[in-house]
Amino acid sequence: MNQSIYSIELSNSEVDDIQVLIGSLQERYHSTDDQAFVRSLPEWVESLPTRLRIEVKKFRHQGYPLVVIKGYPDMSEVMGTTPNHWKNIYNTNSNYDYYCCLMSSLCGDVVGFSDLQDGKLVQEIFPIQKDAGKQLGTGSVDLLLHTEDTSLDYRADYLGFMCIRNIYQIPTSVSVPDFSKLSEKTITILKKNKFHIFNDRPCLSKEERHENYTVCSILTGSGDHIHMRYDPLYMDKDALDTEELEAVSELEALAEAAVFDLVLSPGEIAFIDNYRCAHGRKAYQPRYDGTDRWLKRTQILTRLRDFKHLSLPGRINVLP
């Protein structure tokens, strides 16, 4: 087992308890985007098995960058074939949707974004033909290593990836760089508050993107507690001098050297620290026949109260 990964295995009795809880949620709410459900989610989390809640706390507080929770049943047949577009998914009342939200809430508050899949709290990741050549989870070209929403101050602290179907064993690329291997000079340079990171939202045109950027440092913290904003593709490298380019190159080389494959099976859910891990995906050839890899994704904030004032009217936990 990779030393970066904390692993939790659900017992049969824990799965039974979770299924009973989800059944009651399905009867009470119409979907995971039901505002009554979102408001009461922190309370429902307390009904999860005690050992599970303790294990996730260990993951969060013992310094692990990644956890995989196993043992939830494969319900891919019940879910049906892999859709061809997220807009064609009308049922967000499935066991997997509630499971995603409950498990994610053990790490923090699940949030959606207004310009990402209509603000849904549980987002869909599978190949979409028109996105094939794009730097998106729904594309099929090399998805370059990045941390999520690097330009946003209210970016996720954790990302959740739940596997519905993965017949062809398509991996997610994960990188957990050892920042102690960077030179002191590089760390000092990357901590400067002067790097321009463009907004990577797919709804923006190229012209709009170049007008929407954040000036920030790439690294923060010190010692064993260094965090990063990492998305070389959306960094304005033309604005950097020679030393800054060399520092960025050193970080890129470190991140690429630390990559490993994470292959999830149906029922497994992984949470990665978005401040310590970069993720991506190697190019692959989708079939678009209903058998392609299907993941559900959540974005989780541990600091939602700092940004609650940005929430959309009538849609708590949905940010701009």
C-alpha atoms as a PDB file:
ATOM      1  CA  MET A   1       0.000   0.000   0.000  1.00  0.00           C
ATOM      2  CA  ASN A   2       1.277   3.472  -0.895  1.00  0.00           C
ATOM      3  CA  GLN A   3       2.444   5.190   2.309  1.00  0.00           C
ATOM      4  CA  SER A   4       0.563   8.354   1.329  1.00  0.00           C
ATOM      5  CA  ILE A   5      -2.776   6.532   1.466  1.00  0.00           C
ATOM      6  CA  TYR A   6      -4.814   6.006   4.610  1.00  0.00           C
ATOM      7  CA  SER A   7      -7.180   3.084   4.094  1.00  0.00           C
ATOM      8  CA  ILE A   8     -10.523   2.421   5.785  1.00  0.00           C
ATOM      9  CA  GLU A   9     -12.523  -0.784   5.248  1.00  0.00           C
ATOM     10  CA  LEU A  10     -16.208  -0.750   6.153  1.00  0.00           C
ATOM     11  CA  SER A  11     -17.591  -3.797   7.957  1.00  0.00           C
ATOM     12  CA  ASN A  12     -20.777  -5.495   6.801  1.00  0.00           C
ATOM     13  CA  SER A  13     -22.674  -4.157   9.800  1.00  0.00           C
ATOM     14  CA  GLU A  14     -21.439  -0.619   9.103  1.00  0.00           C
ATOM     15  CA  VAL A  15     -22.619  -0.891   5.502  1.00  0.00           C
ATOM     16  CA  ASP A  16     -26.006  -2.105   6.726  1.00  0.00           C
ATOM     17  CA  ASP A  17     -26.304   0.873   9.087  1.00  0.00           C
ATOM     18  CA  ILE A  18     -25.332   3.296   6.310  1.00  0.00           C
ATOM     19  CA  GLN A  19     -27.878   1.790   3.928  1.00  0.00           C
ATOM     20  CA  VAL A  20     -30.647   2.177   6.514  1.00  0.00           C
ATOM     21  CA  LEU A  21     -29.650   5.823   7.013  1.00  0.00           C
ATOM     22  CA  ILE A  22     -29.609   6.468   3.259  1.00  0.00           C
ATOM     23  CA  GLY A  23     -33.007   4.825   2.891  1.00  0.00           C
ATOM     24  CA  SER A  24     -34.493   7.247   5.395  1.00  0.00           C
ATOM     25  CA  LEU A  25     -32.906  10.184   3.559  1.00  0.00           C
ATOM     26  CA  GLN A  26     -34.349   9.021   0.237  1.00  0.00           C
ATOM     27  CA  GLU A  27     -37.812   8.936   1.779  1.00  0.00           C
ATOM     28  CA  ARG A  28     -37.446  12.379   3.356  1.00  0.00           C
ATOM     29  CA  TYR A  29     -35.747  14.362   0.554  1.00  0.00           C
ATOM     30  CA  HIS A  30     -36.065  14.472  -3.221  1.00  0.00           C
ATOM     31  CA  SER A  31     -32.335  14.894  -3.958  1.00  0.00           C
ATOM     32  CA  THR A  32     -28.955  15.752  -2.488  1.00  0.00           C
ATOM     33  CA  ASP A  33     -29.503  19.326  -3.713  1.00  0.00           C
ATOM     34  CA  ASP A  34     -32.691  19.620  -1.636  1.00  0.00           C
ATOM     35  CA  GLN A  35     -31.966  22.658   0.543  1.00  0.00           C
ATOM     36  CA  ALA A  36     -33.602  21.017   3.554  1.00  0.00           C
ATOM     37  CA  PHE A  37     -31.158  18.121   3.178  1.00  0.00           C
ATOM     38  CA  VAL A  38     -28.167  20.441   2.800  1.00  0.00           C
ATOM     39  CA  ARG A  39     -29.127  22.366   5.937  1.00  0.00           C
ATOM     40  CA  SER A  40     -29.513  19.196   7.999  1.00  0.00           C
ATOM     41  CA  LEU A  41     -26.512  17.324   6.553  1.00  0.00           C
ATOM     42  CA  PRO A  42     -24.205  18.049   9.532  1.00  0.00           C
ATOM     43  CA  GLU A  43     -26.791  16.424  11.803  1.00  0.00           C
ATOM     44  CA  TRP A  44     -27.221  13.330   9.604  1.00  0.00           C
ATOM     45  CA  VAL A  45     -23.462  12.786   9.591  1.00  0.00           C
ATOM     46  CA  GLU A  46     -23.629  12.141  13.330  1.00  0.00           C
ATOM     47  CA  SER A  47     -25.722   9.050  12.536  1.00  0.00           C
ATOM     48  CA  LEU A  48     -22.849   7.410  10.640  1.00  0.00           C
ATOM     49  CA  PRO A  49     -21.050   4.532  12.404  1.00  0.00           C
ATOM     50  CA  THR A  50     -18.833   5.759  15.240  1.00  0.00           C
ATOM     51  CA  ARG A  51     -15.716   3.857  14.147  1.00  0.00           C
ATOM     52  CA  LEU A  52     -15.960   5.339  10.648  1.00  0.00           C
ATOM     53  CA  ARG A  53     -16.168   8.874  12.019  1.00  0.00           C
ATOM     54  CA  ILE A  54     -13.146   8.240  14.226  1.00  0.00           C
ATOM     55  CA  GLU A  55     -11.127   6.769  11.341  1.00  0.00           C
ATOM     56  CA  VAL A  56     -11.784   9.779   9.092  1.00  0.00           C
ATOM     57  CA  LYS A  57     -10.699  12.080  11.933  1.00  0.00           C
ATOM     58  CA  LYS A  58      -7.455  10.098  12.145  1.00  0.00           C
ATOM     59  CA  PHE A  59      -6.914  10.615   8.419  1.00  0.00           C
ATOM     60  CA  ARG A  60      -7.444  14.354   8.738  1.00  0.00           C
ATOM     61  CA  HIS A  61      -5.348  14.881  11.853  1.00  0.00           C
ATOM     62  CA  GLN A  62      -2.470  12.439  11.357  1.00  0.00           C
ATOM     63  CA  GLY A  63      -1.074  14.131   8.273  1.00  0.00           C
ATOM     64  CA  TYR A  64      -2.213  11.794   5.503  1.00  0.00           C
ATOM     65  CA  PRO A  65      -2.827  13.511   2.134  1.00  0.00           C
ATOM     66  CA  LEU A  66      -5.182  10.821   0.811  1.00  0.00           C
ATOM     67  CA  VAL A  67      -7.720   8.325   2.147  1.00  0.00           C
ATOM     68  CA  VAL A  68      -9.578   5.514   0.368  1.00  0.00           C
ATOM     69  CA  ILE A  69     -12.725   4.122   1.993  1.00  0.00           C
ATOM     70  CA  LYS A  70     -13.656   0.636   0.804  1.00  0.00           C
ATOM     71  CA  GLY A  71     -16.438  -1.832   1.446  1.00  0.00           C
ATOM     72  CA  TYR A  72     -19.501  -0.018   0.129  1.00  0.00           C
ATOM     73  CA  PRO A  73     -21.338  -2.266  -2.367  1.00  0.00           C
ATOM     74  CA  ASP A  74     -21.078  -2.109  -6.142  1.00  0.00           C
ATOM     75  CA  MET A  75     -24.431  -0.690  -7.262  1.00  0.00           C
ATOM     76  CA  SER A  76     -23.404   0.148 -10.822  1.00  0.00           C
ATOM     77  CA  GLU A  77     -26.124  -2.040 -12.336  1.00  0.00           C
ATOM     78  CA  VAL A  78     -28.779  -0.173 -10.358  1.00  0.00           C
ATOM     79  CA  MET A  79     -27.299   3.136 -11.537  1.00  0.00           C
ATOM     80  CA  GLY A  80     -27.634   2.104 -15.180  1.00  0.00           C
ATOM     81  CA  THR A  81     -25.255   2.766 -18.045  1.00  0.00           C
ATOM     82  CA  THR A  82     -22.720   5.586 -17.970  1.00  0.00           C
ATOM     83  CA  PRO A  83     -24.539   8.696 -19.268  1.00  0.00           C
ATOM     84  CA  ASN A  84     -23.311  10.708 -22.257  1.00  0.00           C
ATOM     85  CA  HIS A  85     -23.732  14.089 -20.519  1.00  0.00           C
ATOM     86  CA  TRP A  86     -24.177  15.277 -16.942  1.00  0.00           C
ATOM     87  CA  LYS A  87     -27.272  17.229 -18.025  1.00  0.00           C
ATOM     88  CA  ASN A  88     -28.955  13.884 -18.742  1.00  0.00           C
ATOM     89  CA  ILE A  89     -28.785  12.809 -15.092  1.00  0.00           C
ATOM     90  CA  TYR A  90     -32.118  13.554 -13.493  1.00  0.00           C
ATOM     91  CA  ASN A  91     -31.904  11.280 -10.456  1.00  0.00           C
ATOM     92  CA  THR A  92     -29.737  12.764  -7.709  1.00  0.00           C
ATOM     93  CA  ASN A  93     -31.574  10.707  -5.106  1.00  0.00           C
ATOM     94  CA  SER A  94     -29.450   7.572  -5.531  1.00  0.00           C
ATOM     95  CA  ASN A  95     -27.650   5.688  -2.763  1.00  0.00           C
ATOM     96  CA  TYR A  96     -24.342   6.830  -4.221  1.00  0.00           C
ATOM     97  CA  ASP A  97     -25.311  10.523  -4.166  1.00  0.00           C
ATOM     98  CA  TYR A  98     -26.275  10.395  -0.501  1.00  0.00           C
ATOM     99  CA  TYR A  99     -23.271   8.241   0.340  1.00  0.00           C
ATOM    100  CA  CYS A 100     -20.997  10.807  -1.349  1.00  0.00           C
ATOM    101  CA  CYS A 101     -22.497  13.675   0.636  1.00  0.00           C
ATOM    102  CA  LEU A 102     -22.445  11.855   3.964  1.00  0.00           C
ATOM    103  CA  MET A 103     -18.867  10.643   3.630  1.00  0.00           C
ATOM    104  CA  SER A 104     -17.675  13.988   2.279  1.00  0.00           C
ATOM    105  CA  SER A 105     -19.227  15.782   5.227  1.00  0.00           C
ATOM    106  CA  LEU A 106     -16.892  13.870   7.525  1.00  0.00           C
ATOM    107  CA  CYS A 107     -14.135  16.037   6.015  1.00  0.00           C
ATOM    108  CA  GLY A 108     -15.988  19.382   5.989  1.00  0.00           C
ATOM    109  CA  ASP A 109     -18.829  21.150   4.182  1.00  0.00           C
ATOM    110  CA  VAL A 110     -19.770  19.958   0.691  1.00  0.00           C
ATOM    111  CA  VAL A 111     -20.026  22.890  -1.727  1.00  0.00           C
ATOM    112  CA  GLY A 112     -21.079  23.462  -5.302  1.00  0.00           C
ATOM    113  CA  PHE A 113     -20.097  26.225  -7.701  1.00  0.00           C
ATOM    114  CA  SER A 114     -22.631  28.210  -9.697  1.00  0.00           C
ATOM    115  CA  ASP A 115     -20.709  27.863 -12.968  1.00  0.00           C
ATOM    116  CA  LEU A 116     -19.968  24.147 -12.584  1.00  0.00           C
ATOM    117  CA  GLN A 117     -22.686  21.616 -13.497  1.00  0.00           C
ATOM    118  CA  ASP A 118     -25.460  23.987 -12.401  1.00  0.00           C
ATOM    119  CA  GLY A 119     -24.115  24.188  -8.868  1.00  0.00           C
ATOM    120  CA  LYS A 120     -24.767  20.529  -8.021  1.00  0.00           C
ATOM    121  CA  LEU A 121     -23.142  19.356  -4.805  1.00  0.00           C
ATOM    122  CA  VAL A 122     -22.330  15.987  -6.379  1.00  0.00           C
ATOM    123  CA  GLN A 123     -20.683  16.434  -9.771  1.00  0.00           C
ATOM    124  CA  GLU A 124     -20.388  13.819 -12.513  1.00  0.00           C
ATOM    125  CA  ILE A 125     -17.128  12.760 -14.149  1.00  0.00           C
ATOM    126  CA  PHE A 126     -17.283  10.602 -17.273  1.00  0.00           C
ATOM    127  CA  PRO A 127     -16.194  11.166 -20.881  1.00  0.00           C
ATOM    128  CA  ILE A 128     -18.298  13.572 -22.941  1.00  0.00           C
ATOM    129  CA  GLN A 129     -17.590  13.486 -26.669  1.00  0.00           C
ATOM    130  CA  LYS A 130     -17.595  17.244 -27.229  1.00  0.00           C
ATOM    131  CA  ASP A 131     -15.098  17.637 -24.358  1.00  0.00           C
ATOM    132  CA  ALA A 132     -12.685  14.992 -25.680  1.00  0.00           C
ATOM    133  CA  GLY A 133      -9.835  17.406 -26.411  1.00  0.00           C
ATOM    134  CA  LYS A 134     -10.313  19.679 -23.393  1.00  0.00           C
ATOM    135  CA  GLN A 135      -8.491  19.941 -20.070  1.00  0.00           C
ATOM    136  CA  LEU A 136     -11.536  18.677 -18.175  1.00  0.00           C
ATOM    137  CA  GLY A 137     -12.447  15.619 -16.157  1.00  0.00           C
ATOM    138  CA  THR A 138     -14.954  14.909 -18.930  1.00  0.00           C
ATOM    139  CA  GLY A 139     -12.194  14.996 -21.569  1.00  0.00           C
ATOM    140  CA  SER A 140      -9.981  12.132 -22.691  1.00  0.00           C
ATOM    141  CA  VAL A 141      -6.631  13.786 -23.505  1.00  0.00           C
ATOM    142  CA  ASP A 142      -3.896  13.987 -20.862  1.00  0.00           C
ATOM    143  CA  LEU A 143      -5.397  15.916 -17.946  1.00  0.00           C
ATOM    144  CA  LEU A 144      -2.308  17.677 -16.640  1.00  0.00           C
ATOM    145  CA  LEU A 145      -1.480  17.661 -12.942  1.00  0.00           C
ATOM    146  CA  HIS A 146      -3.191  20.438 -11.003  1.00  0.00           C
ATOM    147  CA  THR A 147      -4.801  21.380  -7.746  1.00  0.00           C
ATOM    148  CA  GLU A 148      -8.487  22.221  -8.101  1.00  0.00           C
ATOM    149  CA  ASP A 149      -9.577  25.844  -8.698  1.00  0.00           C
ATOM    150  CA  THR A 150      -6.104  27.214  -8.070  1.00  0.00           C
ATOM    151  CA  SER A 151      -7.200  30.794  -8.746  1.00  0.00           C
ATOM    152  CA  LEU A 152      -9.924  30.774  -6.065  1.00  0.00           C
ATOM    153  CA  ASP A 153      -9.404  31.666  -2.406  1.00  0.00           C
ATOM    154  CA  TYR A 154     -12.460  29.526  -1.628  1.00  0.00           C
ATOM    155  CA  ARG A 155     -11.177  26.469  -3.487  1.00  0.00           C
ATOM    156  CA  ALA A 156     -11.827  23.067  -1.953  1.00  0.00           C
ATOM    157  CA  ASP A 157      -9.729  21.824   0.949  1.00  0.00           C
ATOM    158  CA  TYR A 158     -10.569  18.244  -0.010  1.00  0.00           C
ATOM    159  CA  LEU A 159     -11.829  16.559  -3.166  1.00  0.00           C
ATOM    160  CA  GLY A 160     -13.943  13.427  -3.046  1.00  0.00           C
ATOM    161  CA  PHE A 161     -14.002  10.874  -5.877  1.00  0.00           C
ATOM    162  CA  MET A 162     -16.606   8.091  -5.728  1.00  0.00           C
ATOM    163  CA  CYS A 163     -16.397   5.249  -8.248  1.00  0.00           C
ATOM    164  CA  ILE A 164     -19.611   4.068  -9.900  1.00  0.00           C
ATOM    165  CA  ARG A 165     -18.063   2.135 -12.799  1.00  0.00           C
ATOM    166  CA  ASN A 166     -14.469   1.451 -13.847  1.00  0.00           C
ATOM    167  CA  ILE A 167     -14.510  -1.666 -16.005  1.00  0.00           C
ATOM    168  CA  TYR A 168     -11.345  -0.663 -17.873  1.00  0.00           C
ATOM    169  CA  GLN A 169      -9.348   0.264 -14.750  1.00  0.00           C
ATOM    170  CA  ILE A 170      -8.779   3.893 -15.761  1.00  0.00           C
ATOM    171  CA  PRO A 171      -6.524   5.457 -13.112  1.00  0.00           C
ATOM    172  CA  THR A 172      -6.513   8.903 -11.595  1.00  0.00           C
ATOM    173  CA  SER A 173      -3.001  10.330 -11.431  1.00  0.00           C
ATOM    174  CA  VAL A 174      -2.109  11.619  -7.959  1.00  0.00           C
ATOM    175  CA  SER A 175       1.044  13.449  -6.930  1.00  0.00           C
ATOM    176  CA  VAL A 176       2.100  14.050  -3.331  1.00  0.00           C
ATOM    177  CA  PRO A 177       5.303  16.103  -3.619  1.00  0.00           C
ATOM    178  CA  ASP A 178       7.893  15.995  -0.844  1.00  0.00           C
ATOM    179  CA  PHE A 179       8.551  19.714  -0.516  1.00  0.00           C
ATOM    180  CA  SER A 180      11.659  19.083   1.599  1.00  0.00           C
ATOM    181  CA  LYS A 181      13.371  18.121  -1.672  1.00  0.00           C
ATOM    182  CA  LEU A 182      13.009  21.655  -3.031  1.00  0.00           C
ATOM    183  CA  SER A 183      15.941  24.038  -2.670  1.00  0.00           C
ATOM    184  CA  GLU A 184      15.571  26.836  -0.106  1.00  0.00           C
ATOM    185  CA  LYS A 185      15.930  29.337  -2.932  1.00  0.00           C
ATOM    186  CA  THR A 186      13.019  27.799  -4.835  1.00  0.00           C
ATOM    187  CA  ILE A 187      10.798  27.732  -1.741  1.00  0.00           C
ATOM    188  CA  THR A 188      11.565  31.396  -1.050  1.00  0.00           C
ATOM    189  CA  ILE A 189      10.740  32.400  -4.625  1.00  0.00           C
ATOM    190  CA  LEU A 190       7.518  30.372  -4.787  1.00  0.00           C
ATOM    191  CA  LYS A 191       6.299  31.991  -1.559  1.00  0.00           C
ATOM    192  CA  LYS A 192       6.349  35.422  -3.203  1.00  0.00           C
ATOM    193  CA  ASN A 193       2.894  36.898  -3.727  1.00  0.00           C
ATOM    194  CA  LYS A 194       3.367  37.679  -7.412  1.00  0.00           C
ATOM    195  CA  PHE A 195       2.326  34.694  -9.536  1.00  0.00           C
ATOM    196  CA  HIS A 196      -0.619  35.189 -11.904  1.00  0.00           C
ATOM    197  CA  ILE A 197      -3.035  32.235 -12.047  1.00  0.00           C
ATOM    198  CA  PHE A 198      -5.831  32.396 -14.621  1.00  0.00           C
ATOM    199  CA  ASN A 199      -9.350  31.194 -13.841  1.00  0.00           C
ATOM    200  CA  ASP A 200      -9.756  27.754 -15.433  1.00  0.00           C
ATOM    201  CA  ARG A 201     -13.552  27.636 -15.558  1.00  0.00           C
ATOM    202  CA  PRO A 202     -14.714  26.067 -18.861  1.00  0.00           C
ATOM    203  CA  CYS A 203     -17.491  28.665 -19.204  1.00  0.00           C
ATOM    204  CA  LEU A 204     -14.913  31.428 -19.811  1.00  0.00           C
ATOM    205  CA  SER A 205     -13.691  32.343 -23.284  1.00  0.00           C
ATOM    206  CA  LYS A 206      -9.946  32.702 -23.858  1.00  0.00           C
ATOM    207  CA  GLU A 207     -10.299  36.485 -23.756  1.00  0.00           C
ATOM    208  CA  GLU A 208     -12.335  36.391 -20.531  1.00  0.00           C
ATOM    209  CA  ARG A 209      -9.848  34.016 -18.933  1.00  0.00           C
ATOM    210  CA  HIS A 210      -6.957  36.388 -19.498  1.00  0.00           C
ATOM    211  CA  GLU A 211      -8.927  39.109 -17.737  1.00  0.00           C
ATOM    212  CA  ASN A 212      -9.722  36.842 -14.778  1.00  0.00           C
ATOM    213  CA  TYR A 213      -6.681  35.951 -12.742  1.00  0.00           C
ATOM    214  CA  THR A 214      -5.452  35.857  -9.172  1.00  0.00           C
ATOM    215  CA  VAL A 215      -2.102  37.164  -7.969  1.00  0.00           C
ATOM    216  CA  CYS A 216      -0.828  34.776  -5.313  1.00  0.00           C
ATOM    217  CA  SER A 217       2.046  32.711  -3.990  1.00  0.00           C
ATOM    218  CA  ILE A 218       2.483  29.124  -5.165  1.00  0.00           C
ATOM    219  CA  LEU A 219       3.640  27.817  -1.789  1.00  0.00           C
ATOM    220  CA  THR A 220       2.580  28.765   1.735  1.00  0.00           C
ATOM    221  CA  GLY A 221       3.522  27.460   5.166  1.00  0.00           C
ATOM    222  CA  SER A 222       6.816  25.977   6.299  1.00  0.00           C
ATOM    223  CA  GLY A 223       8.532  22.782   7.376  1.00  0.00           C
ATOM    224  CA  ASP A 224       6.215  19.784   7.208  1.00  0.00           C
ATOM    225  CA  HIS A 225       3.204  22.020   6.633  1.00  0.00           C
ATOM    226  CA  ILE A 226       3.770  23.466   3.174  1.00  0.00           C
ATOM    227  CA  HIS A 227       0.693  23.896   0.973  1.00  0.00           C
ATOM    228  CA  MET A 228       0.581  24.595  -2.749  1.00  0.00           C
ATOM    229  CA  ARG A 229      -1.476  26.107  -5.527  1.00  0.00           C
ATOM    230  CA  TYR A 230      -0.430  24.089  -8.546  1.00  0.00           C
ATOM    231  CA  ASP A 231      -1.677  24.500 -12.098  1.00  0.00           C
ATOM    232  CA  PRO A 232       1.216  25.202 -14.490  1.00  0.00           C
ATOM    233  CA  LEU A 233      -1.093  25.267 -17.516  1.00  0.00           C
ATOM    234  CA  TYR A 234      -3.004  28.267 -16.165  1.00  0.00           C
ATOM    235  CA  MET A 235      -0.005  30.149 -14.802  1.00  0.00           C
ATOM    236  CA  ASP A 236       1.109  33.275 -16.669  1.00  0.00           C
ATOM    237  CA  LYS A 237       4.700  32.209 -17.239  1.00  0.00           C
ATOM    238  CA  ASP A 238       5.320  35.118 -19.604  1.00  0.00           C
ATOM    239  CA  ALA A 239       5.231  37.402 -16.562  1.00  0.00           C
ATOM    240  CA  LEU A 240       8.021  35.494 -14.776  1.00  0.00           C
ATOM    241  CA  ASP A 241      11.731  36.249 -14.734  1.00  0.00           C
ATOM    242  CA  THR A 242      14.443  33.621 -15.197  1.00  0.00           C
ATOM    243  CA  GLU A 243      14.773  32.714 -11.505  1.00  0.00           C
ATOM    244  CA  GLU A 244      11.014  32.405 -11.108  1.00  0.00           C
ATOM    245  CA  LEU A 245      10.751  30.169 -14.159  1.00  0.00           C
ATOM    246  CA  GLU A 246      13.525  27.968 -12.776  1.00  0.00           C
ATOM    247  CA  ALA A 247      11.709  27.716  -9.428  1.00  0.00           C
ATOM    248  CA  VAL A 248       8.455  26.746 -11.135  1.00  0.00           C
ATOM    249  CA  SER A 249      10.313  24.162 -13.237  1.00  0.00           C
ATOM    250  CA  GLU A 250      11.845  22.632 -10.107  1.00  0.00           C
ATOM    251  CA  LEU A 251       8.392  22.291  -8.527  1.00  0.00           C
ATOM    252  CA  GLU A 252       6.959  20.808 -11.732  1.00  0.00           C
ATOM    253  CA  ALA A 253       9.752  18.220 -11.880  1.00  0.00           C
ATOM    254  CA  LEU A 254       9.161  17.312  -8.233  1.00  0.00           C
ATOM    255  CA  ALA A 255       5.408  16.939  -8.769  1.00  0.00           C
ATOM    256  CA  GLU A 256       5.830  14.809 -11.894  1.00  0.00           C
ATOM    257  CA  ALA A 257       8.349  12.549 -10.152  1.00  0.00           C
ATOM    258  CA  ALA A 258       5.891  11.919  -7.298  1.00  0.00           C
ATOM    259  CA  VAL A 259       2.982  10.700  -9.465  1.00  0.00           C
ATOM    260  CA  PHE A 260       1.279   7.376  -8.802  1.00  0.00           C
ATOM    261  CA  ASP A 261      -1.870   5.748 -10.182  1.00  0.00           C
ATOM    262  CA  LEU A 262      -5.009   5.538  -8.080  1.00  0.00           C
ATOM    263  CA  VAL A 263      -7.461   3.017  -9.548  1.00  0.00           C
ATOM    264  CA  LEU A 264     -10.839   3.037  -7.826  1.00  0.00           C
ATOM    265  CA  SER A 265     -13.336   0.185  -7.984  1.00  0.00           C
ATOM    266  CA  PRO A 266     -17.131   0.548  -7.765  1.00  0.00           C
ATOM    267  CA  GLY A 267     -18.206   1.525  -4.257  1.00  0.00           C
ATOM    268  CA  GLU A 268     -14.827   2.965  -3.274  1.00  0.00           C
ATOM    269  CA  ILE A 269     -14.484   6.635  -2.404  1.00  0.00           C
ATOM    270  CA  ALA A 270     -11.234   8.605  -2.100  1.00  0.00           C
ATOM    271  CA  PHE A 271     -10.591  11.976  -0.505  1.00  0.00           C
ATOM    272  CA  ILE A 272      -7.470  13.936  -1.402  1.00  0.00           C
ATOM    273  CA  ASP A 273      -6.038  17.025   0.268  1.00  0.00           C
ATOM    274  CA  ASN A 274      -6.299  19.734  -2.399  1.00  0.00           C
ATOM    275  CA  TYR A 275      -3.560  21.772  -0.697  1.00  0.00           C
ATOM    276  CA  ARG A 276      -1.009  18.956  -0.712  1.00  0.00           C
ATOM    277  CA  CYS A 277      -1.920  16.744  -3.679  1.00  0.00           C
ATOM    278  CA  ALA A 278      -2.070  17.451  -7.383  1.00  0.00           C
ATOM    279  CA  HIS A 279      -4.189  15.193  -9.550  1.00  0.00           C
ATOM    280  CA  GLY A 280      -4.804  14.504 -13.229  1.00  0.00           C
ATOM    281  CA  ARG A 281      -5.435  11.630 -15.628  1.00  0.00           C
ATOM    282  CA  LYS A 282      -3.558   9.977 -18.470  1.00  0.00           C
ATOM    283  CA  ALA A 283      -5.054  10.085 -21.963  1.00  0.00           C
ATOM    284  CA  TYR A 284      -7.353   7.208 -22.824  1.00  0.00           C
ATOM    285  CA  GLN A 285      -9.845   6.178 -25.503  1.00  0.00           C
ATOM    286  CA  PRO A 286     -13.461   6.285 -24.297  1.00  0.00           C
ATOM    287  CA  ARG A 287     -16.033   3.984 -25.854  1.00  0.00           C
ATOM    288  CA  TYR A 288     -19.101   6.214 -25.383  1.00  0.00           C
ATOM    289  CA  ASP A 289     -21.222   3.075 -25.190  1.00  0.00           C
ATOM    290  CA  GLY A 290     -22.429   3.233 -21.598  1.00  0.00           C
ATOM    291  CA  THR A 291     -19.492   1.262 -20.163  1.00  0.00           C
ATOM    292  CA  ASP A 292     -16.970   4.089 -19.624  1.00  0.00           C
ATOM    293  CA  ARG A 293     -15.548   5.075 -16.250  1.00  0.00           C
ATOM    294  CA  TRP A 294     -18.031   6.990 -14.126  1.00  0.00           C
ATOM    295  CA  LEU A 295     -17.018   8.881 -10.997  1.00  0.00           C
ATOM    296  CA  LYS A 296     -18.952  11.219  -8.764  1.00  0.00           C
ATOM    297  CA  ARG A 297     -17.004  14.146  -7.325  1.00  0.00           C
ATOM    298  CA  THR A 298     -17.500  16.376  -4.312  1.00  0.00           C
ATOM    299  CA  GLN A 299     -15.672  19.528  -3.300  1.00  0.00           C
ATOM    300  CA  ILE A 300     -15.268  20.099   0.416  1.00  0.00           C
ATOM    301  CA  LEU A 301     -14.434  23.222   2.412  1.00  0.00           C
ATOM    302  CA  THR A 302     -13.287  23.245   6.018  1.00  0.00           C
ATOM    303  CA  ARG A 303     -13.599  27.067   6.055  1.00  0.00           C
ATOM    304  CA  LEU A 304     -17.067  27.583   4.600  1.00  0.00           C
ATOM    305  CA  ARG A 305     -18.065  30.100   7.267  1.00  0.00           C
ATOM    306  CA  ASP A 306     -15.417  32.478   5.882  1.00  0.00           C
ATOM    307  CA  PHE A 307     -17.192  32.480   2.508  1.00  0.00           C
ATOM    308  CA  LYS A 308     -20.817  31.898   3.509  1.00  0.00           C
ATOM    309  CA  HIS A 309     -21.642  35.487   2.537  1.00  0.00           C
ATOM    310  CA  LEU A 310     -20.875  34.557  -1.087  1.00  0.00           C
ATOM    311  CA  SER A 311     -23.498  31.779  -1.217  1.00  0.00           C
ATOM    312  CA  LEU A 312     -26.166  32.126  -3.890  1.00  0.00           C
ATOM    313  CA  PRO A 313     -29.578  33.355  -2.675  1.00  0.00           C
ATOM    314  CA  GLY A 314     -31.730  30.363  -1.817  1.00  0.00           C
ATOM    315  CA  ARG A 315     -28.877  27.911  -2.431  1.00  0.00           C
ATOM    316  CA  ILE A 316     -26.771  27.490   0.656  1.00  0.00           C
ATOM    317  CA  ASN A 317     -23.372  25.892   0.055  1.00  0.00           C
ATOM    318  CA  VAL A 318     -23.320  27.020  -3.609  1.00  0.00           C
ATOM    319  CA  LEU A 319     -20.552  29.559  -4.271  1.00  0.00           C
ATOM    320  CA  PRO A 320     -19.916  31.764  -7.334  1.00  0.00           C
END
